[in-house]
Amino acid sequence: MTGERLADRAYTAIVRIIDEDDLAPGDRLPSEARLAEMFGMSRTIVREALVRLAADGITEARRGAGSYVKRRPSERLGAHVPLDGLAATLGTYEVRFVVEAEAARLAAQRRSHHDLEVIEKRLAALRGALLLSAPAHEEDWQLHRAISEATGNDAFVAIFDQLQEGVMRILRAGVDISRARPPHVIEAMMEEHDAIVDAIRTQDGDGAALAMRWHLSQGRKRLMP
């Protein structure tokens, strides 16, 4: 078994500890050494899993004090993403931060009038789905894909399409979880998309990249309570 797969197993096992032991934000996790002993893995593998958990906003490391729970994954997340697939699914965010932020920047700089019309049409479709309490994940996907297409570089579209399975799980979960919360959560989701499209409309490359990174970071947070 590869180190990467072992790290996924450790990631899953730590989330299971958080769930089964009902750990709350602020609670301390067992030490790296203890986790390594429990899982029958090296401390290097456990450390890698903890780094990824911290990147996903689930744990946080405190210098000299170990790792603590930062956020618990939403219980509703499990309806869309199996626990043993959580590491890989949330891992798509790391790729999206790089690919989609740069795609948004290039889309703002290069988009044609036709590209902008398509993006705005997809934005309106997403708004309609969200207002009608429809699933909305397909509309969300199509908007993000239209932004990739507006780069004029087929490689961005190809990379984005490779991520489709994991991204679609996240989009379904994000809308479902957000709808279980106060209305302002869905409103914030829509405002984030508006900000991205506004920057593309005004051909503000840096603004589009920043808006996309902000949207993705907030989207990852919405998967947690």
Protein backbone atom coordinates (compact mmCIF):
# COMPACT_ATOMS: atom_id res chain seq x y z
CA MET A 1 0.00 0.00 0.00
CA THR A 2 1.37 3.42 -0.92
CA GLY A 3 2.14 6.17 1.54
CA GLU A 4 -0.63 8.25 0.01
CA ARG A 5 -3.23 5.54 0.62
CA LEU A 6 -1.95 5.00 4.15
CA ALA A 7 -2.33 8.73 4.80
CA ASP A 8 -5.93 8.50 3.55
CA ARG A 9 -6.55 5.63 5.96
CA ALA A 10 -5.08 7.62 8.85
CA TYR A 11 -7.15 10.66 7.86
CA THR A 12 -10.32 8.55 7.89
CA ALA A 13 -9.42 6.91 11.19
CA ILE A 14 -8.85 10.27 12.88
CA VAL A 15 -12.21 11.59 11.65
CA ARG A 16 -13.79 8.39 12.95
CA ILE A 17 -12.24 9.05 16.38
CA ILE A 18 -13.69 12.56 16.34
CA ASP A 19 -17.14 11.18 15.48
CA GLU A 20 -17.21 8.08 17.68
CA ASP A 21 -15.68 9.80 20.73
CA ASP A 22 -17.98 12.78 20.12
CA LEU A 23 -15.07 15.21 20.30
CA ALA A 24 -16.05 18.87 20.17
CA PRO A 25 -14.12 21.84 18.77
CA GLY A 26 -11.28 22.56 21.18
CA ASP A 27 -10.92 18.94 22.32
CA ARG A 28 -7.41 17.47 22.07
CA LEU A 29 -6.68 14.51 19.84
CA PRO A 30 -4.40 11.67 20.97
CA SER A 31 -0.71 12.37 20.37
CA GLU A 32 0.98 11.49 17.07
CA ALA A 33 2.77 8.65 18.82
CA ARG A 34 -0.48 7.30 20.28
CA LEU A 35 -2.29 7.56 16.94
CA ALA A 36 0.57 5.80 15.17
CA GLU A 37 0.38 2.98 17.74
CA MET A 38 -3.42 2.74 17.42
CA PHE A 39 -3.32 2.59 13.61
CA GLY A 40 -0.18 0.46 13.28
CA MET A 41 1.40 3.17 11.10
CA SER A 42 4.46 5.35 11.27
CA ARG A 43 4.35 8.78 12.86
CA THR A 44 5.30 10.22 9.46
CA ILE A 45 2.06 8.89 7.94
CA VAL A 46 0.00 10.15 10.89
CA ARG A 47 1.66 13.55 10.64
CA GLU A 48 0.81 13.74 6.94
CA ALA A 49 -2.83 12.95 7.73
CA LEU A 50 -2.92 15.63 10.44
CA VAL A 51 -1.45 18.20 8.05
CA ARG A 52 -4.20 17.42 5.55
CA LEU A 53 -6.89 17.51 8.23
CA ALA A 54 -5.63 20.93 9.28
CA ALA A 55 -5.67 22.12 5.68
CA ASP A 56 -9.30 20.97 5.44
CA GLY A 57 -10.19 22.92 8.59
CA ILE A 58 -11.00 19.87 10.70
CA THR A 59 -8.05 20.01 13.11
CA GLU A 60 -5.46 22.55 14.16
CA ALA A 61 -1.96 22.10 15.52
CA ARG A 62 -0.90 24.04 18.60
CA ARG A 63 2.82 24.43 19.04
CA GLY A 64 4.06 22.11 21.74
CA ALA A 65 0.52 21.02 22.64
CA GLY A 66 -0.52 18.62 19.89
CA SER A 67 -3.53 18.67 17.58
CA TYR A 68 -7.04 19.76 18.47
CA VAL A 69 -10.43 19.51 16.84
CA LYS A 70 -11.26 22.73 15.01
CA ARG A 71 -14.49 21.78 13.24
CA ARG A 72 -16.48 18.58 13.02
CA PRO A 73 -17.62 17.57 9.51
CA SER A 74 -21.37 18.10 9.19
CA GLU A 75 -23.42 14.96 9.83
CA ARG A 76 -25.22 15.72 6.55
CA LEU A 77 -21.90 15.48 4.72
CA GLY A 78 -21.94 11.72 5.27
CA ALA A 79 -25.05 11.41 3.11
CA HIS A 80 -23.00 12.60 0.12
CA VAL A 81 -19.43 11.56 0.87
CA PRO A 82 -18.57 8.19 2.47
CA LEU A 83 -16.17 8.56 5.37
CA ASP A 84 -13.48 6.53 3.62
CA GLY A 85 -13.70 8.90 0.64
CA LEU A 86 -13.62 12.12 2.66
CA ALA A 87 -9.86 12.70 2.35
CA ALA A 88 -9.87 12.31 -1.42
CA THR A 89 -13.01 14.37 -1.91
CA LEU A 90 -11.88 17.29 0.23
CA GLY A 91 -8.46 16.95 -1.39
CA THR A 92 -9.96 18.27 -4.62
CA TYR A 93 -10.06 21.69 -2.98
CA GLU A 94 -6.26 21.86 -3.02
CA VAL A 95 -6.32 21.41 -6.79
CA ARG A 96 -9.26 23.75 -7.25
CA PHE A 97 -7.53 26.57 -5.34
CA VAL A 98 -4.73 26.45 -7.89
CA VAL A 99 -6.63 25.65 -11.09
CA GLU A 100 -9.83 27.61 -10.63
CA ALA A 101 -8.26 30.75 -9.22
CA GLU A 102 -5.96 30.99 -12.22
CA ALA A 103 -8.81 30.06 -14.56
CA ALA A 104 -10.86 32.94 -13.14
CA ARG A 105 -7.91 35.31 -13.62
CA LEU A 106 -7.41 34.27 -17.25
CA ALA A 107 -11.15 34.27 -17.94
CA ALA A 108 -11.31 37.89 -16.78
CA GLN A 109 -8.40 38.84 -18.99
CA ARG A 110 -9.39 36.87 -22.10
CA ARG A 111 -13.16 36.38 -22.08
CA SER A 112 -15.05 37.26 -25.24
CA HIS A 113 -18.51 38.85 -25.30
CA HIS A 114 -19.91 35.39 -26.04
CA ASP A 115 -18.02 33.87 -23.09
CA LEU A 116 -19.45 36.52 -20.79
CA GLU A 117 -22.96 35.90 -22.08
CA VAL A 118 -22.60 32.18 -21.32
CA ILE A 119 -21.19 32.86 -17.84
CA GLU A 120 -23.98 35.29 -17.01
CA LYS A 121 -26.59 32.84 -18.31
CA ARG A 122 -25.13 30.11 -16.09
CA LEU A 123 -25.07 32.52 -13.13
CA ALA A 124 -28.76 33.31 -13.66
CA ALA A 125 -29.55 29.57 -13.85
CA LEU A 126 -27.75 28.98 -10.54
CA ARG A 127 -29.60 31.87 -8.90
CA GLY A 128 -32.92 30.48 -10.12
CA ALA A 129 -32.17 26.98 -8.84
CA LEU A 130 -31.11 28.29 -5.44
CA LEU A 131 -34.20 30.51 -5.11
CA LEU A 132 -36.49 27.63 -6.09
CA SER A 133 -34.82 25.26 -3.62
CA ALA A 134 -33.88 22.99 -6.53
CA PRO A 135 -30.76 20.76 -6.15
CA ALA A 136 -28.55 23.43 -7.90
CA HIS A 137 -25.36 21.35 -8.08
CA GLU A 138 -25.57 20.93 -11.85
CA GLU A 139 -26.05 24.68 -12.34
CA ASP A 140 -23.13 25.37 -10.00
CA TRP A 141 -20.90 22.97 -11.94
CA GLN A 142 -21.88 24.49 -15.28
CA LEU A 143 -21.02 28.01 -14.08
CA HIS A 144 -17.57 26.97 -12.89
CA ARG A 145 -16.99 25.04 -16.11
CA ALA A 146 -18.00 28.05 -18.21
CA ILE A 147 -15.36 30.10 -16.40
CA SER A 148 -12.75 27.45 -17.29
CA GLU A 149 -13.91 27.55 -20.92
CA ALA A 150 -13.53 31.34 -20.98
CA THR A 151 -9.78 30.97 -20.45
CA GLY A 152 -9.50 29.87 -24.07
CA ASN A 153 -7.22 27.07 -22.87
CA ASP A 154 -8.69 23.59 -23.23
CA ALA A 155 -6.25 22.24 -20.65
CA PHE A 156 -8.13 24.04 -17.88
CA VAL A 157 -11.40 22.45 -19.00
CA ALA A 158 -9.77 19.01 -19.20
CA ILE A 159 -8.37 19.30 -15.67
CA PHE A 160 -11.68 20.55 -14.31
CA ASP A 161 -13.56 17.70 -15.98
CA GLN A 162 -11.14 15.22 -14.35
CA LEU A 163 -12.31 16.52 -10.99
CA GLN A 164 -16.01 16.26 -11.80
CA GLU A 165 -16.91 13.28 -9.62
CA GLY A 166 -15.40 14.75 -6.45
CA VAL A 167 -16.54 18.30 -7.18
CA MET A 168 -20.13 17.20 -7.82
CA ARG A 169 -20.21 15.39 -4.46
CA ILE A 170 -19.02 18.57 -2.77
CA LEU A 171 -21.49 20.77 -4.63
CA ARG A 172 -24.42 18.51 -3.69
CA ALA A 173 -23.30 18.39 -0.08
CA GLY A 174 -22.61 22.13 0.11
CA VAL A 175 -26.07 23.13 -1.08
CA ASP A 176 -27.79 20.50 1.08
CA ILE A 177 -25.89 21.51 4.22
CA SER A 178 -26.35 25.23 3.53
CA ARG A 179 -30.11 24.83 3.10
CA ALA A 180 -30.31 23.31 6.58
CA ARG A 181 -28.93 26.58 7.95
CA PRO A 182 -30.28 30.14 8.11
CA PRO A 183 -31.14 31.77 4.72
CA HIS A 184 -28.11 34.07 4.82
CA VAL A 185 -25.86 31.06 4.15
CA ILE A 186 -27.37 30.49 0.69
CA GLU A 187 -27.33 34.26 0.14
CA ALA A 188 -23.61 34.33 0.90
CA MET A 189 -23.02 31.50 -1.59
CA MET A 190 -24.80 33.51 -4.29
CA GLU A 191 -22.91 36.70 -3.41
CA GLU A 192 -19.60 34.86 -3.78
CA HIS A 193 -20.53 33.75 -7.29
CA ASP A 194 -21.71 37.27 -8.11
CA ALA A 195 -18.33 38.66 -7.03
CA ILE A 196 -16.46 36.26 -9.31
CA VAL A 197 -18.62 37.10 -12.30
CA ASP A 198 -18.48 40.85 -11.56
CA ALA A 199 -14.68 40.70 -11.70
CA ILE A 200 -14.76 38.73 -14.95
CA ARG A 201 -17.25 41.22 -16.37
CA THR A 202 -14.94 44.16 -15.60
CA GLN A 203 -11.87 42.18 -16.71
CA ASP A 204 -10.27 42.43 -13.27
CA GLY A 205 -7.98 39.39 -13.29
CA ASP A 206 -6.61 39.75 -9.77
CA GLY A 207 -10.08 40.43 -8.40
CA ALA A 208 -11.50 37.35 -10.13
CA ALA A 209 -8.74 35.11 -8.75
CA LEU A 210 -9.21 36.50 -5.25
CA ALA A 211 -13.00 36.13 -5.44
CA MET A 212 -12.65 32.53 -6.60
CA ARG A 213 -10.22 31.62 -3.82
CA TRP A 214 -12.54 33.24 -1.26
CA HIS A 215 -15.54 31.34 -2.64
CA LEU A 216 -13.70 28.01 -2.51
CA SER A 217 -12.39 28.63 1.02
CA GLN A 218 -15.89 29.52 2.21
CA GLY A 219 -17.33 26.51 0.41
CA ARG A 220 -14.98 24.19 2.27
CA LYS A 221 -15.99 25.79 5.57
CA ARG A 222 -19.67 25.28 4.76
CA LEU A 223 -19.11 21.52 4.86
CA MET A 224 -18.47 21.85 8.59
CA PRO A 225 -21.00 22.87 11.26
